């Protein structure tokens, strides 16, 4: 394999710190993947599942203390604290290296150090970027084989000898007291120790593609976003591409792979989690999915909620922390209406009713090409043209089912104002409302005020800025029930969005943006009354005034760094709501 001198020197230095018994450069081949699987089956890192019904599938069980992203142990280590901003945990680079350096010292003794050159993005795309990570976890190597393009393809894509994001990962002793996920954006460096969980250990994913990616994107004039990418095909065969930002458990994977309930309409999956978006020479925003696979949340994935995801994980999938049926098939809450008898839970114990059988944040890792709805052009090197952005989150009140921003600046304001109700993907309490601008709060690698400013600037470079919409599938009525059926019926909302992009779509103006007119949404065949639809689309001025008052407190922490247009839009919206 071709290796650059800079990369080899860095790997040698890392081996000097971690002291592995041997060093293996990964080539990304099928033979290498199969060898890793064999080794893990032998040492118990992986367990086989039913090979007749789930060929090529395996189960991995993590340590019970290592089952989700640990945001409180995740740091941005910039030289200046203000460059990380008030929404990130910050540690001075020297202090971070001294602290983690102790955990890394000799951490790989008796273990193999795998070197993984990986490419984020399609081969041959000028939007793709290279990373080189080292790890002592075979599970991480196998997962990176699925999630990124590993081997020579990554080295060939480098623009210079030092054109890579460097990542050091070690399981260490898996102690939460000696766990740190550190990002040094100025050095293009990631250090992660003490965790084997995907979001902390698959460094190409959140660490590179978003935290360091967003820093690199700002320097180079593009966007690295926590977004799905879909193509919405109408009955005439015309495809409109949309990108959507949604925090964990806000319906993101289900929307990315939606099966339409509307005759003639179809959703094509380009990506389910991350979008890298560039402005091309003509001023068109174009997006690539930098990943090669899906690292999806298993619970509530079912033939009813997401038939495409349920079909794609039937082969060649690594499951993490799911339950097993007596016949050795993976199972999780929501997969079937009732749990089968005789389950073994995610920790390998006989399942006790009333406790989770699968961990609430259990996962599947699978190649994107296995998804039945994968777009034929999903690896197009020049990316797909984005006509609109959607910001969506889980809110039981306040936010209507769908509304459209007045313009780009107003849309950036709506994204910056986003909040969501928490779920199991984030360690901490469930059901608490937390701020999550653009679904990027845990992933923005620099000061979020500067990030809002970068978004505003990108719009001014576009020849025709994409439209911006806000959605909420989770609004509840006074009876506590969801007002909208969701899932495949969300395509009805996408249809209205496509109509708006094309200059149609009946709408009415409100103080917060354009909502569908009473007959604007296609509700044919839905058992919903006009009153229910009106309730789902309602703009309650009192609720909004309160919500925007709290938003002012959030913005306050950025001080003078908050872009003036964001503050001005907040004041203007408050004025309209009082009128």
Protein backbone atom coordinates (compact mmCIF):
# COMPACT_ATOMS: atom_id res chain seq x y z
CA UNK A 1 0.00 0.00 0.00
CA UNK A 2 1.18 3.54 -0.75
CA UNK A 3 1.94 5.36 2.48
CA UNK A 4 3.03 8.94 2.89
CA UNK A 5 6.10 9.72 4.97
CA UNK A 6 4.06 12.09 7.17
CA UNK A 7 1.51 9.34 7.92
CA UNK A 8 4.20 6.72 8.63
CA UNK A 9 6.05 9.06 10.99
CA UNK A 10 2.83 9.86 12.85
CA UNK A 11 1.95 6.13 13.15
CA UNK A 12 5.46 5.38 14.48
CA UNK A 13 5.13 8.13 17.08
CA UNK A 14 1.73 6.82 18.17
CA UNK A 15 3.07 3.27 18.47
CA UNK A 16 5.89 4.67 20.63
CA UNK A 17 3.26 6.09 23.01
CA UNK A 18 0.85 3.12 23.08
CA UNK A 19 3.39 0.24 22.78
CA UNK A 20 1.38 -2.34 20.76
CA UNK A 21 2.79 -5.83 20.24
CA UNK A 22 2.42 -5.41 16.47
CA UNK A 23 1.21 -2.88 13.89
CA UNK A 24 -1.07 -3.83 10.96
CA UNK A 25 -1.92 -1.46 8.09
CA UNK A 26 -5.47 -2.22 6.91
CA UNK A 27 -6.17 -2.65 3.18
CA UNK A 28 -9.99 -2.64 3.33
CA UNK A 29 -10.29 -5.97 1.49
CA UNK A 30 -13.08 -8.52 1.93
CA UNK A 31 -10.48 -11.07 3.04
CA UNK A 32 -9.32 -8.70 5.79
CA UNK A 33 -12.91 -8.19 7.01
CA UNK A 34 -13.54 -11.95 7.09
CA UNK A 35 -10.29 -12.53 8.99
CA UNK A 36 -11.29 -9.94 11.61
CA UNK A 37 -14.72 -11.56 12.00
CA UNK A 38 -13.13 -15.01 12.49
CA UNK A 39 -10.76 -13.65 15.16
CA UNK A 40 -13.63 -11.94 17.02
CA UNK A 41 -15.81 -15.06 16.91
CA UNK A 42 -12.89 -16.99 18.41
CA UNK A 43 -12.25 -14.54 21.26
CA UNK A 44 -15.92 -13.82 22.02
CA UNK A 45 -15.92 -10.16 20.86
CA UNK A 46 -18.63 -11.22 18.40
CA UNK A 47 -21.34 -13.85 18.83
CA UNK A 48 -22.91 -15.65 15.87
CA UNK A 49 -26.62 -15.14 15.20
CA UNK A 50 -28.93 -17.49 13.21
CA UNK A 51 -27.00 -17.92 9.93
CA UNK A 52 -30.04 -19.27 8.03
CA UNK A 53 -32.27 -16.25 8.61
CA UNK A 54 -29.50 -13.66 9.15
CA UNK A 55 -26.52 -14.72 6.96
CA UNK A 56 -23.29 -12.83 7.62
CA UNK A 57 -24.70 -11.19 10.77
CA UNK A 58 -23.09 -11.03 14.22
CA UNK A 59 -23.80 -9.64 17.68
CA UNK A 60 -21.44 -7.52 19.76
CA UNK A 61 -22.14 -6.79 23.43
CA UNK A 62 -20.52 -3.69 24.90
CA UNK A 63 -19.52 -3.10 28.48
CA UNK A 64 -22.67 -1.88 30.33
CA UNK A 65 -20.91 1.43 31.13
CA UNK A 66 -20.15 2.04 27.43
CA UNK A 67 -23.40 2.16 25.49
CA UNK A 68 -23.86 5.76 24.23
CA UNK A 69 -22.01 8.95 23.33
CA UNK A 70 -20.59 10.58 26.47
CA UNK A 71 -20.92 14.28 25.78
CA UNK A 72 -19.63 15.26 29.23
CA UNK A 73 -16.29 13.58 28.37
CA UNK A 74 -16.08 15.04 24.84
CA UNK A 75 -13.87 18.11 24.45
CA UNK A 76 -12.86 20.61 21.78
CA UNK A 77 -9.22 21.51 22.44
CA UNK A 78 -8.59 24.81 20.65
CA UNK A 79 -5.80 27.17 21.71
CA UNK A 80 -8.36 29.89 22.50
CA UNK A 81 -11.34 28.89 24.66
CA UNK A 82 -13.64 31.31 22.80
CA UNK A 83 -12.99 29.45 19.53
CA UNK A 84 -14.68 26.36 21.04
CA UNK A 85 -17.54 28.53 22.28
CA UNK A 86 -19.90 28.23 25.26
CA UNK A 87 -21.82 25.16 23.99
CA UNK A 88 -18.73 22.91 23.80
CA UNK A 89 -16.66 21.45 26.62
CA UNK A 90 -13.20 22.98 26.25
CA UNK A 91 -9.80 21.85 27.46
CA UNK A 92 -6.46 23.50 26.70
CA UNK A 93 -4.51 21.34 24.21
CA UNK A 94 -1.50 20.88 26.51
CA UNK A 95 -3.68 19.87 29.48
CA UNK A 96 -5.73 17.49 27.28
CA UNK A 97 -2.61 15.79 25.93
CA UNK A 98 -1.03 15.48 29.37
CA UNK A 99 -4.20 13.93 30.83
CA UNK A 100 -5.04 11.55 27.96
CA UNK A 101 -1.35 10.85 27.38
CA UNK A 102 -1.30 9.09 30.75
CA UNK A 103 -4.20 6.84 29.68
CA UNK A 104 -2.58 6.14 26.29
CA UNK A 105 0.87 5.32 27.71
CA UNK A 106 1.36 1.62 27.00
CA UNK A 107 -2.42 1.21 26.50
CA UNK A 108 -1.95 -1.19 23.56
CA UNK A 109 0.58 -3.55 25.27
CA UNK A 110 -0.21 -7.12 24.21
CA UNK A 111 -2.64 -5.85 21.54
CA UNK A 112 -2.46 -5.25 17.79
CA UNK A 113 -2.50 -1.64 16.62
CA UNK A 114 -4.53 -1.45 13.42
CA UNK A 115 -3.85 1.49 11.08
CA UNK A 116 -6.96 2.39 9.08
CA UNK A 117 -6.59 4.79 6.12
CA UNK A 118 -10.20 5.72 5.32
CA UNK A 119 -11.97 8.01 2.87
CA UNK A 120 -15.06 9.97 3.85
CA UNK A 121 -17.06 10.42 0.67
CA UNK A 122 -17.17 8.75 -2.77
CA UNK A 123 -13.93 7.90 -4.56
CA UNK A 124 -13.06 10.54 -7.14
CA UNK A 125 -15.05 13.32 -5.48
CA UNK A 126 -13.34 16.66 -4.81
CA UNK A 127 -15.64 16.87 -1.75
CA UNK A 128 -14.21 13.70 -0.14
CA UNK A 129 -11.56 13.85 2.62
CA UNK A 130 -9.06 11.35 4.04
CA UNK A 131 -8.56 10.19 7.61
CA UNK A 132 -6.04 7.80 9.12
CA UNK A 133 -6.94 6.31 12.46
CA UNK A 134 -5.25 3.77 14.68
CA UNK A 135 -7.14 1.49 17.07
CA UNK A 136 -6.64 -1.62 19.20
CA UNK A 137 -10.24 -2.79 18.67
CA UNK A 138 -10.99 -5.33 15.93
CA UNK A 139 -14.71 -4.43 16.33
CA UNK A 140 -13.86 -0.83 15.42
CA UNK A 141 -11.84 -1.96 12.36
CA UNK A 142 -14.68 -4.17 11.10
CA UNK A 143 -17.20 -1.37 11.72
CA UNK A 144 -14.98 1.15 9.89
CA UNK A 145 -14.84 -1.28 6.93
CA UNK A 146 -18.63 -0.88 6.74
CA UNK A 147 -18.87 2.84 7.57
CA UNK A 148 -16.06 4.25 5.37
CA UNK A 149 -13.99 3.40 2.30
CA UNK A 150 -10.83 1.80 3.72
CA UNK A 151 -7.40 1.28 2.12
CA UNK A 152 -5.50 2.70 -0.86
CA UNK A 153 -8.56 4.66 -2.05
CA UNK A 154 -8.05 6.95 0.96
CA UNK A 155 -4.31 7.51 0.41
CA UNK A 156 -4.88 8.26 -3.30
CA UNK A 157 -7.48 10.93 -2.45
CA UNK A 158 -5.02 13.01 -0.38
CA UNK A 159 -4.23 16.41 -1.85
CA UNK A 160 -0.87 16.64 -0.03
CA UNK A 161 1.34 14.39 2.11
CA UNK A 162 -0.21 15.72 5.32
CA UNK A 163 -3.78 16.00 4.00
CA UNK A 164 -5.49 13.71 6.51
CA UNK A 165 -7.32 13.86 9.82
CA UNK A 166 -5.30 11.78 12.31
CA UNK A 167 -7.19 9.72 14.90
CA UNK A 168 -5.88 7.71 17.86
CA UNK A 169 -8.29 5.29 19.53
CA UNK A 170 -7.70 2.78 22.30
CA UNK A 171 -10.15 0.83 24.40
CA UNK A 172 -7.78 1.45 27.31
CA UNK A 173 -9.36 -0.35 30.27
CA UNK A 174 -12.92 0.86 29.35
CA UNK A 175 -13.13 2.69 32.69
CA UNK A 176 -15.51 5.69 32.55
CA UNK A 177 -13.01 7.41 34.90
CA UNK A 178 -10.32 7.11 32.23
CA UNK A 179 -12.45 7.92 29.19
CA UNK A 180 -11.89 11.02 27.03
CA UNK A 181 -12.86 12.01 23.48
CA UNK A 182 -10.62 14.92 22.46
CA UNK A 183 -10.60 17.01 19.28
CA UNK A 184 -7.67 19.26 18.29
CA UNK A 185 -9.04 21.05 15.20
CA UNK A 186 -5.97 23.23 14.68
CA UNK A 187 -3.84 20.06 14.46
CA UNK A 188 -6.38 17.94 12.50
CA UNK A 189 -6.14 15.43 15.36
CA UNK A 190 -8.57 13.26 17.37
CA UNK A 191 -7.77 11.30 20.54
CA UNK A 192 -10.33 8.86 21.94
CA UNK A 193 -9.60 6.53 24.87
CA UNK A 194 -11.63 4.32 27.20
CA UNK A 195 -14.71 3.67 25.04
CA UNK A 196 -15.57 1.13 22.34
CA UNK A 197 -19.02 2.64 21.59
CA UNK A 198 -19.53 3.65 17.94
CA UNK A 199 -20.02 7.41 18.36
CA UNK A 200 -16.89 7.60 20.54
CA UNK A 201 -14.75 5.00 18.74
CA UNK A 202 -15.59 5.03 14.99
CA UNK A 203 -13.58 8.21 14.57
CA UNK A 204 -14.65 8.77 10.96
CA UNK A 205 -18.22 9.34 12.09
CA UNK A 206 -19.08 12.13 14.54
CA UNK A 207 -15.47 13.04 15.45
CA UNK A 208 -14.11 13.49 11.91
CA UNK A 209 -17.15 13.95 9.66
CA UNK A 210 -18.77 16.52 11.97
CA UNK A 211 -16.59 17.99 14.73
CA UNK A 212 -13.36 18.32 12.75
CA UNK A 213 -15.29 18.33 9.48
CA UNK A 214 -17.26 21.44 10.49
CA UNK A 215 -14.01 23.25 11.39
CA UNK A 216 -12.40 22.23 8.08
CA UNK A 217 -15.61 23.13 6.19
CA UNK A 218 -15.62 26.64 7.63
CA UNK A 219 -11.96 27.13 6.66
CA UNK A 220 -12.58 25.82 3.13
CA UNK A 221 -16.03 27.37 2.55
CA UNK A 222 -18.41 24.39 2.73
CA UNK A 223 -20.79 22.81 5.29
CA UNK A 224 -20.39 19.57 7.29
CA UNK A 225 -23.85 18.80 8.67
CA UNK A 226 -25.70 16.25 10.79
CA UNK A 227 -28.22 15.69 7.99
CA UNK A 228 -29.92 12.99 5.96
CA UNK A 229 -30.08 13.43 2.17
CA UNK A 230 -33.08 12.18 0.16
CA UNK A 231 -34.41 12.37 -3.37
CA UNK A 232 -38.20 12.80 -3.56
CA UNK A 233 -39.55 11.43 -6.85
CA UNK A 234 -42.93 12.63 -8.11
CA UNK A 235 -45.33 10.63 -10.32
CA UNK A 236 -43.72 12.16 -13.46
CA UNK A 237 -40.30 10.78 -12.44
CA UNK A 238 -38.75 14.13 -11.49
CA UNK A 239 -36.48 13.91 -8.41
CA UNK A 240 -36.03 16.81 -5.95
CA UNK A 241 -33.17 16.51 -3.44
CA UNK A 242 -33.60 17.62 0.15
CA UNK A 243 -31.27 17.57 3.19
CA UNK A 244 -32.74 17.38 6.69
CA UNK A 245 -31.24 17.93 10.15
CA UNK A 246 -32.89 16.06 13.00
CA UNK A 247 -31.52 15.24 16.47
CA UNK A 248 -31.41 11.59 17.62
CA UNK A 249 -34.84 9.91 17.72
CA UNK A 250 -36.63 12.66 15.80
CA UNK A 251 -37.55 10.33 12.94
CA UNK A 252 -34.39 10.85 10.89
CA UNK A 253 -33.60 7.29 9.75
CA UNK A 254 -37.30 6.61 9.13
CA UNK A 255 -37.57 9.69 6.91
CA UNK A 256 -34.31 8.84 5.10
CA UNK A 257 -35.79 5.45 4.14
CA UNK A 258 -39.50 6.32 4.05
CA UNK A 259 -41.89 4.17 2.02
CA UNK A 260 -44.45 6.58 0.60
CA UNK A 261 -48.16 6.20 1.36
CA UNK A 262 -48.90 8.44 -1.66
CA UNK A 263 -49.37 6.64 -5.00
CA UNK A 264 -46.69 7.62 -7.52
CA UNK A 265 -44.40 9.26 -4.95
CA UNK A 266 -41.13 7.68 -3.88
CA UNK A 267 -38.26 8.51 -1.49
CA UNK A 268 -34.68 7.65 -2.52
CA UNK A 269 -32.03 7.40 0.21
CA UNK A 270 -28.73 9.19 -0.43
CA UNK A 271 -27.64 9.33 3.23
CA UNK A 272 -29.19 8.93 6.67
CA UNK A 273 -26.92 10.89 9.03
CA UNK A 274 -24.23 13.19 7.62
CA UNK A 275 -24.10 15.55 4.63
CA UNK A 276 -21.11 17.44 3.29
CA UNK A 277 -22.38 20.36 1.21
CA UNK A 278 -20.35 22.47 -1.21
CA UNK A 279 -21.27 25.45 -3.38
CA UNK A 280 -20.35 24.50 -6.95
CA UNK A 281 -18.96 26.81 -9.66
CA UNK A 282 -22.50 27.83 -10.70
CA UNK A 283 -23.59 28.69 -7.13
CA UNK A 284 -25.64 25.47 -6.70
CA UNK A 285 -25.41 23.75 -3.30
CA UNK A 286 -24.47 20.09 -3.80
CA UNK A 287 -24.29 17.37 -1.14
CA UNK A 288 -22.47 14.06 -0.70
CA UNK A 289 -22.99 11.42 1.97
CA UNK A 290 -19.45 10.98 3.34
CA UNK A 291 -20.30 7.56 4.80
CA UNK A 292 -20.44 4.11 3.23
CA UNK A 293 -22.76 2.51 5.78
CA UNK A 294 -25.50 3.11 8.32
CA UNK A 295 -25.00 3.03 12.09
CA UNK A 296 -28.69 3.01 13.01
CA UNK A 297 -30.69 2.82 16.23
CA UNK A 298 -32.43 -0.58 16.38
CA UNK A 299 -35.36 -0.06 18.84
CA UNK A 300 -38.66 0.81 17.12
CA UNK A 301 -37.26 -0.16 13.71
CA UNK A 302 -39.91 -2.51 12.36
CA UNK A 303 -41.69 -3.57 9.16
CA UNK A 304 -44.33 -0.95 10.07
CA UNK A 305 -42.05 2.00 10.93
CA UNK A 306 -39.18 1.34 8.52
CA UNK A 307 -39.58 -1.61 6.15
CA UNK A 308 -36.42 -0.67 4.21
CA UNK A 309 -34.19 -0.72 7.30
CA UNK A 310 -35.75 -3.98 8.52
CA UNK A 311 -35.01 -5.59 5.14
CA UNK A 312 -31.44 -4.27 4.84
CA UNK A 313 -30.24 -5.66 8.21
CA UNK A 314 -31.24 -9.25 7.31
CA UNK A 315 -27.69 -9.98 6.09
CA UNK A 316 -24.06 -8.81 6.54
CA UNK A 317 -24.83 -6.67 9.59
CA UNK A 318 -23.08 -6.17 12.92
CA UNK A 319 -25.67 -5.75 15.69
CA UNK A 320 -24.65 -4.14 18.98
CA UNK A 321 -26.49 -4.61 22.29
CA UNK A 322 -29.67 -6.16 20.88
CA UNK A 323 -31.47 -9.16 22.43
CA UNK A 324 -31.49 -12.70 21.00
CA UNK A 325 -34.47 -15.01 20.49
CA UNK A 326 -34.21 -18.74 21.38
CA UNK A 327 -33.52 -19.44 17.68
CA UNK A 328 -30.61 -16.96 17.75
CA UNK A 329 -32.27 -14.11 15.84
CA UNK A 330 -31.66 -10.47 16.83
CA UNK A 331 -34.63 -8.79 18.56
CA UNK A 332 -35.35 -5.33 19.95
CA UNK A 333 -38.32 -3.44 21.32
CA UNK A 334 -40.78 -2.54 18.56
CA UNK A 335 -39.57 -5.18 16.07
CA UNK A 336 -42.65 -7.34 16.74
CA UNK A 337 -45.89 -6.38 18.56
CA UNK A 338 -45.04 -8.75 21.45
CA UNK A 339 -41.64 -9.93 22.75
CA UNK A 340 -41.01 -13.60 21.89
CA UNK A 341 -40.74 -16.02 24.83
CA UNK A 342 -37.29 -17.06 26.01
CA UNK A 343 -35.35 -13.91 25.05
CA UNK A 344 -31.76 -13.41 26.14
CA UNK A 345 -31.23 -9.70 26.91
CA UNK A 346 -28.47 -7.40 25.60
CA UNK A 347 -26.21 -8.34 28.52
CA UNK A 348 -26.57 -12.09 27.87
CA UNK A 349 -29.00 -12.78 30.73
CA UNK A 350 -32.48 -14.36 30.56
CA UNK A 351 -34.82 -11.42 29.87
CA UNK A 352 -37.07 -10.24 32.71
CA UNK A 353 -40.30 -8.51 31.58
CA UNK A 354 -40.32 -4.87 32.66
CA UNK A 355 -36.60 -4.43 31.80
CA UNK A 356 -35.20 -3.54 28.35
CA UNK A 357 -34.44 -6.67 26.28
CA UNK A 358 -32.31 -4.67 23.84
CA UNK A 359 -30.48 -1.59 25.09
CA UNK A 360 -32.54 1.55 24.22
CA UNK A 361 -29.53 2.75 22.17
CA UNK A 362 -28.74 -0.64 20.57
CA UNK A 363 -27.46 -0.40 17.00
CA UNK A 364 -26.98 -2.01 13.62
CA UNK A 365 -23.99 -1.37 11.33
CA UNK A 366 -24.67 -2.20 7.68
CA UNK A 367 -23.52 -1.18 4.19
CA UNK A 368 -25.64 1.55 2.59
CA UNK A 369 -25.82 -0.39 -0.69
CA UNK A 370 -28.02 -3.00 1.07
CA UNK A 371 -30.81 -0.49 1.61
CA UNK A 372 -33.71 -1.21 -0.81
CA UNK A 373 -34.34 2.55 -1.19
CA UNK A 374 -30.69 3.52 -1.83
CA UNK A 375 -30.56 6.07 -4.67
CA UNK A 376 -28.90 4.80 -7.88
CA UNK A 377 -26.70 7.95 -7.85
CA UNK A 378 -25.88 7.97 -4.11
CA UNK A 379 -22.12 7.84 -4.80
CA UNK A 380 -22.19 10.52 -7.54
CA UNK A 381 -18.78 12.28 -7.14
CA UNK A 382 -20.22 15.77 -7.75
CA UNK A 383 -23.02 15.20 -5.21
CA UNK A 384 -26.73 15.85 -5.62
CA UNK A 385 -28.23 19.37 -6.00
CA UNK A 386 -30.02 20.46 -2.80
CA UNK A 387 -33.28 22.37 -3.32
CA UNK A 388 -34.30 22.68 0.34
CA UNK A 389 -33.17 22.14 3.91
CA UNK A 390 -35.50 20.77 6.56
CA UNK A 391 -34.99 21.23 10.31
CA UNK A 392 -37.02 18.77 12.35
CA UNK A 393 -37.19 17.82 16.02
CA UNK A 394 -39.33 16.01 18.58
CA UNK A 395 -41.66 18.52 20.28
CA UNK A 396 -45.03 17.62 21.80
CA UNK A 397 -46.14 21.30 21.74
CA UNK A 398 -45.33 24.69 20.11
CA UNK A 399 -43.86 23.61 16.73
CA UNK A 400 -46.36 23.03 13.87
CA UNK A 401 -46.24 19.95 11.64
CA UNK A 402 -44.54 21.98 8.87
CA UNK A 403 -43.84 25.60 7.98
CA UNK A 404 -41.57 27.42 5.56
CA UNK A 405 -39.07 30.19 6.35
CA UNK A 406 -39.60 33.57 4.68
CA UNK A 407 -36.05 33.58 3.28
CA UNK A 408 -32.55 32.15 3.83
CA UNK A 409 -31.71 34.38 6.82
CA UNK A 410 -35.02 33.57 8.50
CA UNK A 411 -34.42 29.87 7.84
CA UNK A 412 -30.97 30.01 9.46
CA UNK A 413 -32.64 31.68 12.46
CA UNK A 414 -35.21 28.83 12.63
CA UNK A 415 -32.40 26.26 12.54
CA UNK A 416 -30.48 28.12 15.25
CA UNK A 417 -33.64 28.18 17.41
CA UNK A 418 -34.22 24.41 17.29
CA UNK A 419 -34.79 22.41 20.47
CA UNK A 420 -35.79 18.78 21.04
CA UNK A 421 -36.98 16.36 23.71
CA UNK A 422 -34.14 14.03 24.80
CA UNK A 423 -33.87 10.26 24.17
CA UNK A 424 -31.56 7.32 24.94
CA UNK A 425 -28.94 8.12 22.27
CA UNK A 426 -27.58 10.77 24.62
CA UNK A 427 -26.61 9.70 28.15
CA UNK A 428 -28.80 11.57 30.63
CA UNK A 429 -32.48 12.13 31.28
CA UNK A 430 -35.18 11.23 28.77
CA UNK A 431 -37.95 13.68 27.80
CA UNK A 432 -36.20 16.93 28.77
CA UNK A 433 -36.32 19.83 26.26
CA UNK A 434 -32.80 20.76 25.22
CA UNK A 435 -31.41 23.23 22.70
CA UNK A 436 -30.03 21.64 19.56
CA UNK A 437 -29.46 24.23 16.79
CA UNK A 438 -29.42 22.56 13.36
CA UNK A 439 -29.15 19.23 15.32
CA UNK A 440 -25.44 20.18 15.62
CA UNK A 441 -25.05 21.17 19.28
CA UNK A 442 -23.05 18.01 20.20
CA UNK A 443 -21.15 18.03 16.89
CA UNK A 444 -20.14 21.59 16.00
CA UNK A 445 -16.35 21.76 16.32
CA UNK A 446 -16.16 25.51 16.94
CA UNK A 447 -18.05 28.48 18.38
CA UNK A 448 -21.71 28.05 17.46
CA UNK A 449 -22.18 31.82 16.95
CA UNK A 450 -19.51 31.66 14.22
CA UNK A 451 -21.29 28.58 12.85
CA UNK A 452 -24.54 30.57 12.45
CA UNK A 453 -22.51 33.28 10.71
CA UNK A 454 -20.98 30.68 8.36
CA UNK A 455 -24.48 29.45 7.44
CA UNK A 456 -25.58 33.01 6.65
CA UNK A 457 -22.48 33.46 4.45
CA UNK A 458 -23.07 30.22 2.50
CA UNK A 459 -26.54 31.48 1.53
CA UNK A 460 -25.09 34.67 0.11
CA UNK A 461 -22.77 32.58 -2.14
CA UNK A 462 -25.64 30.52 -3.60
CA UNK A 463 -27.03 31.62 -6.97
CA UNK A 464 -30.44 30.40 -5.74
CA UNK A 465 -30.40 29.61 -2.02
CA UNK A 466 -32.32 26.44 -1.10
CA UNK A 467 -35.65 26.97 0.67
CA UNK A 468 -35.73 26.19 4.40
CA UNK A 469 -38.53 24.35 6.25
CA UNK A 470 -39.21 23.30 9.84
CA UNK A 471 -41.09 20.05 10.63
CA UNK A 472 -42.37 18.28 13.75
CA UNK A 473 -43.97 14.83 13.40
CA UNK A 474 -44.43 14.55 17.18
CA UNK A 475 -46.96 17.21 18.16
CA UNK A 476 -49.63 15.91 20.52
CA UNK A 477 -53.22 16.96 21.09
CA UNK A 478 -54.83 17.67 24.47
CA UNK A 479 -55.53 13.93 24.78
CA UNK A 480 -51.78 13.23 24.63
CA UNK A 481 -52.04 11.43 21.28
CA UNK A 482 -49.95 12.27 18.21
CA UNK A 483 -51.81 14.59 15.83
CA UNK A 484 -50.10 13.24 12.71
CA UNK A 485 -49.72 9.57 11.65
CA UNK A 486 -46.04 9.96 10.63
CA UNK A 487 -43.84 7.38 8.84
CA UNK A 488 -44.92 6.88 5.19
CA UNK A 489 -47.49 9.68 5.55
CA UNK A 490 -44.65 12.17 6.10
CA UNK A 491 -44.26 12.01 2.29
CA UNK A 492 -47.47 14.12 2.18
CA UNK A 493 -45.51 16.89 3.90
CA UNK A 494 -42.57 16.35 1.52
CA UNK A 495 -45.01 16.69 -1.41
CA UNK A 496 -46.08 20.13 -0.11
CA UNK A 497 -42.40 21.09 0.31
CA UNK A 498 -41.63 20.04 -3.30
CA UNK A 499 -44.66 22.04 -4.51
CA UNK A 500 -43.38 25.11 -2.63
CA UNK A 501 -39.91 24.71 -4.18
CA UNK A 502 -41.54 24.66 -7.62
CA UNK A 503 -43.55 27.82 -6.96
CA UNK A 504 -46.84 26.11 -6.04
CA UNK A 505 -48.16 24.63 -2.79
CA UNK A 506 -51.01 26.54 -1.17
CA UNK A 507 -49.84 28.39 1.95
CA UNK A 508 -50.83 31.07 4.42
CA UNK A 509 -48.58 33.55 6.16
CA UNK A 510 -48.13 33.49 9.96
CA UNK A 511 -45.70 35.41 12.21
CA UNK A 512 -43.29 32.42 12.14
CA UNK A 513 -43.40 31.57 8.41
CA UNK A 514 -45.68 30.02 5.76
CA UNK A 515 -47.88 27.10 6.87
CA UNK A 516 -49.96 24.95 4.49
CA UNK A 517 -53.41 26.43 3.73
CA UNK A 518 -56.36 24.38 5.10
CA UNK A 519 -56.44 22.36 1.85
CA UNK A 520 -52.67 22.63 1.20
CA UNK A 521 -51.68 19.13 2.35
CA UNK A 522 -52.71 16.05 0.38
CA UNK A 523 -54.67 14.12 3.03
CA UNK A 524 -56.61 11.83 0.67
CA UNK A 525 -57.26 8.50 2.36
CA UNK A 526 -56.23 9.73 5.83
CA UNK A 527 -58.74 9.39 8.67
CA UNK A 528 -57.97 12.92 9.89
CA UNK A 529 -60.57 15.64 10.42
CA UNK A 530 -59.98 19.22 9.30
CA UNK A 531 -59.87 20.15 12.99
CA UNK A 532 -57.04 17.67 13.67
CA UNK A 533 -55.00 19.00 10.74
CA UNK A 534 -55.63 22.58 11.89
CA UNK A 535 -54.43 21.59 15.39
CA UNK A 536 -51.26 19.99 13.94
CA UNK A 537 -50.54 23.22 12.00
CA UNK A 538 -51.57 25.68 14.74
CA UNK A 539 -49.33 28.63 15.64
CA UNK A 540 -50.07 29.41 19.29
CA UNK A 541 -48.78 32.96 19.85
CA UNK A 542 -48.59 32.57 23.63
CA UNK A 543 -46.50 29.39 23.42
CA UNK A 544 -44.25 30.99 20.81
CA UNK A 545 -43.71 34.18 22.85
CA UNK A 546 -42.61 32.06 25.82
CA UNK A 547 -40.37 29.84 23.68
CA UNK A 548 -38.66 32.84 22.05
CA UNK A 549 -38.11 34.45 25.47
CA UNK A 550 -36.15 31.33 26.49
CA UNK A 551 -34.29 31.45 23.16
CA UNK A 552 -33.03 34.94 24.07
CA UNK A 553 -31.33 33.40 27.13
CA UNK A 554 -29.65 30.79 24.92
CA UNK A 555 -28.38 33.42 22.47
CA UNK A 556 -27.18 35.60 25.38
CA UNK A 557 -24.25 33.26 26.13
CA UNK A 558 -22.65 34.09 22.76
CA UNK A 559 -22.41 37.80 23.59
CA UNK A 560 -21.21 40.08 20.79
CA UNK A 561 -20.20 37.04 18.69
CA UNK A 562 -23.85 36.26 17.85
CA UNK A 563 -24.46 37.42 14.24
CA UNK A 564 -26.53 40.59 14.19
CA UNK A 565 -29.04 39.21 11.62
CA UNK A 566 -29.94 36.36 14.04
CA UNK A 567 -30.67 38.79 16.90
CA UNK A 568 -32.60 41.05 14.50
CA UNK A 569 -34.78 38.16 13.25
CA UNK A 570 -35.56 37.13 16.85
CA UNK A 571 -36.66 40.71 17.67
CA UNK A 572 -38.73 40.94 14.45
CA UNK A 573 -40.48 37.60 15.14
CA UNK A 574 -41.27 38.66 18.71
CA UNK A 575 -42.70 41.93 17.36
CA UNK A 576 -44.94 40.05 14.89
CA UNK A 577 -46.20 37.71 17.64
CA UNK A 578 -47.13 40.67 19.86
CA UNK A 579 -48.93 42.51 17.02
